[in-house]
């Protein structure tokens, strides 16, 4: 039986939601597959005001990434596909866009 290689790391993207609150992206690897996500931090920090889901979905949709029902920004990837660092940057940008969009709702 083959063993499945797994790894997880958190990447500081150099962006910040606000002073002292860095935009981090978690990169989980399982063999050749990757999952990049913000772990829902944008929604956690901005809150869930009325209309939050629609505003968050619009912000993420503009960048072509995924948004879970709980507010996690994510995208899957396969080794050898798109550059993971570039993709992590896209997740960070989308997460920051969600944060900004939710703050505008208040």
N, C-alpha and C. Protein backbone atom coordinates (compact mmCIF):
# COMPACT_ATOMS: atom_id res chain seq x y z
N UNK A 1 0.83 -1.18 0.00
CA UNK A 1 0.00 0.00 0.00
C UNK A 1 0.88 1.25 0.00
N UNK A 2 0.55 2.20 -0.88
CA UNK A 2 1.31 3.44 -0.96
C UNK A 2 0.96 4.37 0.19
N UNK A 3 1.96 5.10 0.65
CA UNK A 3 1.68 6.12 1.65
C UNK A 3 1.37 7.43 0.94
N UNK A 4 0.47 8.17 1.51
CA UNK A 4 0.08 9.46 0.95
C UNK A 4 0.91 10.54 1.62
N UNK A 5 1.60 11.33 0.80
CA UNK A 5 2.39 12.43 1.35
C UNK A 5 1.49 13.60 1.64
N UNK A 6 1.61 14.13 2.86
CA UNK A 6 0.81 15.27 3.28
C UNK A 6 1.72 16.33 3.89
N UNK A 7 1.28 17.57 3.70
CA UNK A 7 2.05 18.68 4.24
C UNK A 7 1.11 19.87 4.38
N UNK A 8 1.40 20.73 5.33
CA UNK A 8 0.61 21.95 5.48
C UNK A 8 1.55 23.07 5.91
N UNK A 9 1.37 24.23 5.28
CA UNK A 9 2.16 25.39 5.67
C UNK A 9 1.30 26.64 5.58
N UNK A 10 1.68 27.66 6.34
CA UNK A 10 0.99 28.95 6.28
C UNK A 10 1.96 29.96 5.72
N UNK A 11 1.47 30.67 4.71
CA UNK A 11 2.30 31.63 3.99
C UNK A 11 1.86 33.04 4.30
N UNK A 12 2.80 33.88 4.78
CA UNK A 12 2.53 35.30 4.97
C UNK A 12 2.67 35.95 3.60
N UNK A 13 1.60 36.53 3.10
CA UNK A 13 1.57 37.05 1.73
C UNK A 13 2.10 38.47 1.60
N UNK A 14 2.39 39.12 2.73
CA UNK A 14 2.85 40.50 2.68
C UNK A 14 1.69 41.51 2.67
N UNK A 15 0.46 41.01 2.60
CA UNK A 15 -0.72 41.88 2.65
C UNK A 15 -1.27 41.87 4.08
N UNK A 16 -2.10 42.86 4.40
CA UNK A 16 -2.69 42.93 5.73
C UNK A 16 -4.13 43.40 5.64
N UNK A 17 -4.98 42.79 6.47
CA UNK A 17 -6.37 43.24 6.55
C UNK A 17 -6.41 44.61 7.22
N UNK A 18 -5.58 44.74 8.26
CA UNK A 18 -5.44 45.98 9.01
C UNK A 18 -4.12 45.90 9.76
N UNK A 19 -3.74 46.94 10.42
CA UNK A 19 -2.47 46.98 11.15
C UNK A 19 -2.35 45.78 12.08
N UNK A 20 -1.27 45.02 11.92
CA UNK A 20 -1.01 43.88 12.79
C UNK A 20 -1.78 42.61 12.46
N UNK A 21 -2.53 42.62 11.37
CA UNK A 21 -3.33 41.44 11.00
C UNK A 21 -3.00 41.02 9.57
N UNK A 22 -1.96 40.19 9.45
CA UNK A 22 -1.48 39.76 8.14
C UNK A 22 -2.47 38.83 7.43
N UNK A 23 -2.49 38.90 6.12
CA UNK A 23 -3.28 37.98 5.31
C UNK A 23 -2.43 36.73 5.11
N UNK A 24 -2.82 35.64 5.75
CA UNK A 24 -2.11 34.37 5.66
C UNK A 24 -2.89 33.42 4.78
N UNK A 25 -2.16 32.61 4.02
CA UNK A 25 -2.78 31.59 3.18
C UNK A 25 -2.25 30.24 3.62
N UNK A 26 -3.16 29.32 3.90
CA UNK A 26 -2.78 27.96 4.25
C UNK A 26 -2.71 27.13 2.98
N UNK A 27 -1.59 26.43 2.82
CA UNK A 27 -1.40 25.56 1.66
C UNK A 27 -1.30 24.13 2.18
N UNK A 28 -2.29 23.33 1.82
CA UNK A 28 -2.31 21.92 2.21
C UNK A 28 -1.99 21.07 0.99
N UNK A 29 -1.09 20.13 1.18
CA UNK A 29 -0.70 19.25 0.08
C UNK A 29 -1.05 17.82 0.45
N UNK A 30 -1.60 17.13 -0.53
CA UNK A 30 -1.85 15.69 -0.41
C UNK A 30 -1.39 15.10 -1.73
N UNK A 31 -0.26 14.43 -1.70
CA UNK A 31 0.40 13.93 -2.91
C UNK A 31 0.61 15.08 -3.89
N UNK A 32 -0.01 15.02 -5.06
CA UNK A 32 0.20 16.06 -6.07
C UNK A 32 -0.89 17.13 -6.06
N UNK A 33 -1.82 17.02 -5.12
CA UNK A 33 -2.93 17.98 -5.05
C UNK A 33 -2.72 18.98 -3.92
N UNK A 34 -3.13 20.20 -4.19
CA UNK A 34 -3.00 21.28 -3.21
C UNK A 34 -4.34 21.95 -2.98
N UNK A 35 -4.52 22.47 -1.80
CA UNK A 35 -5.67 23.29 -1.45
C UNK A 35 -5.13 24.55 -0.81
N UNK A 36 -5.41 25.69 -1.41
CA UNK A 36 -4.96 26.97 -0.89
C UNK A 36 -6.18 27.69 -0.35
N UNK A 37 -6.10 28.24 0.88
CA UNK A 37 -7.27 28.84 1.51
C UNK A 37 -6.89 29.91 2.53
N UNK A 38 -7.85 30.79 2.80
CA UNK A 38 -7.63 31.83 3.81
C UNK A 38 -8.18 31.42 5.18
N UNK A 39 -8.71 30.22 5.28
CA UNK A 39 -9.28 29.67 6.51
C UNK A 39 -10.42 30.51 7.07
N UNK A 40 -11.05 31.35 6.23
CA UNK A 40 -12.19 32.14 6.64
C UNK A 40 -11.85 33.37 7.46
N UNK A 41 -10.59 33.75 7.46
CA UNK A 41 -10.14 34.86 8.31
C UNK A 41 -10.77 36.19 7.93
N UNK A 42 -10.96 36.46 6.63
CA UNK A 42 -11.55 37.73 6.20
C UNK A 42 -12.94 37.89 6.80
N UNK A 43 -13.75 36.86 6.72
CA UNK A 43 -15.12 36.91 7.26
C UNK A 43 -15.08 36.96 8.77
N UNK A 44 -14.17 36.23 9.37
CA UNK A 44 -14.04 36.24 10.83
C UNK A 44 -13.74 37.65 11.34
N UNK A 45 -12.85 38.36 10.67
CA UNK A 45 -12.48 39.72 11.09
C UNK A 45 -13.54 40.76 10.76
N UNK A 46 -14.16 40.65 9.60
CA UNK A 46 -15.13 41.65 9.17
C UNK A 46 -16.53 41.40 9.71
N UNK A 47 -16.82 40.18 10.09
CA UNK A 47 -18.15 39.85 10.59
C UNK A 47 -19.07 39.43 9.45
N UNK A 48 -20.30 39.19 9.83
CA UNK A 48 -21.30 38.72 8.86
C UNK A 48 -22.52 39.64 8.87
N UNK A 49 -22.34 40.88 8.42
CA UNK A 49 -23.50 41.79 8.37
C UNK A 49 -24.51 41.30 7.33
N UNK A 50 -25.71 41.84 7.37
CA UNK A 50 -26.74 41.47 6.40
C UNK A 50 -26.19 41.59 4.99
N UNK A 51 -26.40 40.55 4.18
CA UNK A 51 -25.93 40.54 2.79
C UNK A 51 -24.47 40.14 2.63
N UNK A 52 -23.86 39.64 3.70
CA UNK A 52 -22.42 39.32 3.65
C UNK A 52 -22.10 38.26 2.60
N UNK A 53 -22.93 37.25 2.52
CA UNK A 53 -22.64 36.13 1.61
C UNK A 53 -22.61 36.59 0.15
N UNK A 54 -23.58 37.39 -0.24
CA UNK A 54 -23.65 37.89 -1.61
C UNK A 54 -22.46 38.80 -1.93
N UNK A 55 -22.13 39.69 -0.98
CA UNK A 55 -21.00 40.61 -1.19
C UNK A 55 -19.69 39.84 -1.29
N UNK A 56 -19.51 38.84 -0.43
CA UNK A 56 -18.29 38.03 -0.44
C UNK A 56 -18.19 37.22 -1.73
N UNK A 57 -19.31 36.64 -2.15
CA UNK A 57 -19.32 35.84 -3.39
C UNK A 57 -18.98 36.71 -4.59
N UNK A 58 -19.49 37.93 -4.62
CA UNK A 58 -19.18 38.84 -5.73
C UNK A 58 -17.70 39.20 -5.74
N UNK A 59 -17.14 39.45 -4.58
CA UNK A 59 -15.71 39.82 -4.50
C UNK A 59 -14.82 38.67 -4.96
N UNK A 60 -15.16 37.46 -4.55
CA UNK A 60 -14.36 36.28 -4.92
C UNK A 60 -14.59 35.92 -6.39
N UNK A 61 -15.83 36.01 -6.82
CA UNK A 61 -16.17 35.66 -8.20
C UNK A 61 -15.43 36.50 -9.22
N UNK A 62 -15.19 37.76 -8.89
CA UNK A 62 -14.43 38.64 -9.78
C UNK A 62 -13.02 38.12 -10.01
N UNK A 63 -12.51 37.35 -9.05
CA UNK A 63 -11.14 36.82 -9.17
C UNK A 63 -11.13 35.34 -9.56
N UNK A 64 -12.30 34.75 -9.72
CA UNK A 64 -12.38 33.37 -10.19
C UNK A 64 -12.01 32.31 -9.17
N UNK A 65 -12.21 32.61 -7.88
CA UNK A 65 -11.90 31.64 -6.84
C UNK A 65 -13.19 31.14 -6.19
N UNK A 66 -13.06 30.27 -5.20
CA UNK A 66 -14.20 29.66 -4.54
C UNK A 66 -14.46 30.29 -3.18
N UNK A 67 -15.73 30.26 -2.77
CA UNK A 67 -16.13 30.72 -1.45
C UNK A 67 -17.07 29.67 -0.86
N UNK A 68 -16.72 29.15 0.31
CA UNK A 68 -17.58 28.17 0.96
C UNK A 68 -18.75 28.87 1.65
N UNK A 69 -19.73 28.09 2.07
CA UNK A 69 -20.88 28.66 2.79
C UNK A 69 -20.47 29.36 4.08
N UNK A 70 -19.35 28.92 4.66
CA UNK A 70 -18.90 29.53 5.91
C UNK A 70 -17.97 30.72 5.69
N UNK A 71 -17.63 31.01 4.43
CA UNK A 71 -16.82 32.19 4.13
C UNK A 71 -15.34 31.93 3.90
N UNK A 72 -14.96 30.71 3.65
CA UNK A 72 -13.56 30.39 3.36
C UNK A 72 -13.29 30.62 1.87
N UNK A 73 -12.28 31.43 1.59
CA UNK A 73 -11.82 31.65 0.22
C UNK A 73 -10.81 30.55 -0.10
N UNK A 74 -11.00 29.84 -1.23
CA UNK A 74 -10.10 28.74 -1.53
C UNK A 74 -9.99 28.48 -3.02
N UNK A 75 -8.98 27.69 -3.35
CA UNK A 75 -8.81 27.23 -4.73
C UNK A 75 -7.97 25.94 -4.69
N UNK A 76 -8.37 24.93 -5.47
CA UNK A 76 -7.55 23.72 -5.57
C UNK A 76 -6.50 23.89 -6.65
N UNK A 77 -5.46 23.09 -6.58
CA UNK A 77 -4.41 23.12 -7.60
C UNK A 77 -3.76 21.74 -7.67
N UNK A 78 -3.10 21.50 -8.78
CA UNK A 78 -2.37 20.25 -8.99
C UNK A 78 -0.91 20.60 -9.25
N UNK A 79 -0.02 19.81 -8.67
CA UNK A 79 1.41 20.02 -8.85
C UNK A 79 1.75 20.09 -10.33
N UNK A 80 2.55 21.06 -10.70
CA UNK A 80 2.95 21.22 -12.09
C UNK A 80 2.01 22.10 -12.89
N UNK A 81 0.91 22.52 -12.25
CA UNK A 81 -0.05 23.42 -12.90
C UNK A 81 0.40 24.86 -12.70
N UNK A 82 -0.50 25.68 -12.24
CA UNK A 82 -0.22 27.10 -11.99
C UNK A 82 0.77 27.23 -10.84
N UNK A 83 1.63 28.22 -10.90
CA UNK A 83 2.61 28.50 -9.85
C UNK A 83 1.90 28.71 -8.51
N UNK A 84 2.27 27.95 -7.50
CA UNK A 84 1.60 28.01 -6.21
C UNK A 84 1.76 29.37 -5.53
N UNK A 85 2.91 30.00 -5.65
CA UNK A 85 3.10 31.31 -5.03
C UNK A 85 2.18 32.35 -5.65
N UNK A 86 2.03 32.29 -6.98
CA UNK A 86 1.12 33.21 -7.66
C UNK A 86 -0.31 32.94 -7.21
N UNK A 87 -0.67 31.67 -7.13
CA UNK A 87 -2.01 31.29 -6.72
C UNK A 87 -2.28 31.71 -5.27
N UNK A 88 -1.30 31.56 -4.40
CA UNK A 88 -1.45 32.01 -3.02
C UNK A 88 -1.70 33.52 -2.98
N UNK A 89 -1.03 34.25 -3.85
CA UNK A 89 -1.26 35.69 -3.95
C UNK A 89 -2.68 36.01 -4.37
N UNK A 90 -3.23 35.22 -5.28
CA UNK A 90 -4.62 35.42 -5.72
C UNK A 90 -5.60 35.14 -4.57
N UNK A 91 -5.34 34.10 -3.80
CA UNK A 91 -6.19 33.80 -2.65
C UNK A 91 -6.12 34.96 -1.65
N UNK A 92 -4.93 35.48 -1.41
CA UNK A 92 -4.77 36.61 -0.50
C UNK A 92 -5.51 37.84 -1.01
N UNK A 93 -5.40 38.14 -2.30
CA UNK A 93 -6.10 39.28 -2.88
C UNK A 93 -7.61 39.10 -2.75
N UNK A 94 -8.11 37.90 -3.00
CA UNK A 94 -9.54 37.63 -2.89
C UNK A 94 -10.00 37.76 -1.45
N UNK A 95 -9.20 37.27 -0.52
CA UNK A 95 -9.54 37.36 0.89
C UNK A 95 -9.63 38.82 1.33
N UNK A 96 -8.68 39.62 0.90
CA UNK A 96 -8.68 41.04 1.22
C UNK A 96 -9.88 41.74 0.57
N UNK A 97 -10.23 41.33 -0.64
CA UNK A 97 -11.40 41.89 -1.33
C UNK A 97 -12.68 41.55 -0.56
N UNK A 98 -12.77 40.35 -0.04
CA UNK A 98 -13.93 39.95 0.77
C UNK A 98 -13.99 40.80 2.03
N UNK A 99 -12.89 40.95 2.69
CA UNK A 99 -12.82 41.76 3.92
C UNK A 99 -13.32 43.18 3.65
N UNK A 100 -12.78 43.80 2.59
CA UNK A 100 -13.17 45.16 2.23
C UNK A 100 -14.66 45.25 1.88
N UNK A 101 -15.16 44.27 1.13
CA UNK A 101 -16.56 44.27 0.72
C UNK A 101 -17.48 44.17 1.93
N UNK A 102 -17.10 43.37 2.90
CA UNK A 102 -17.94 43.21 4.10
C UNK A 102 -17.91 44.44 4.98
N UNK A 103 -16.77 45.11 5.04
CA UNK A 103 -16.71 46.35 5.81
C UNK A 103 -17.59 47.43 5.21
N UNK A 104 -17.72 47.43 3.89
CA UNK A 104 -18.57 48.41 3.21
C UNK A 104 -20.06 48.19 3.52
N UNK A 105 -20.43 47.01 3.95
CA UNK A 105 -21.83 46.72 4.26
C UNK A 105 -22.28 47.30 5.59
N UNK A 106 -21.33 47.57 6.47
CA UNK A 106 -21.69 48.04 7.81
C UNK A 106 -22.24 49.42 7.82
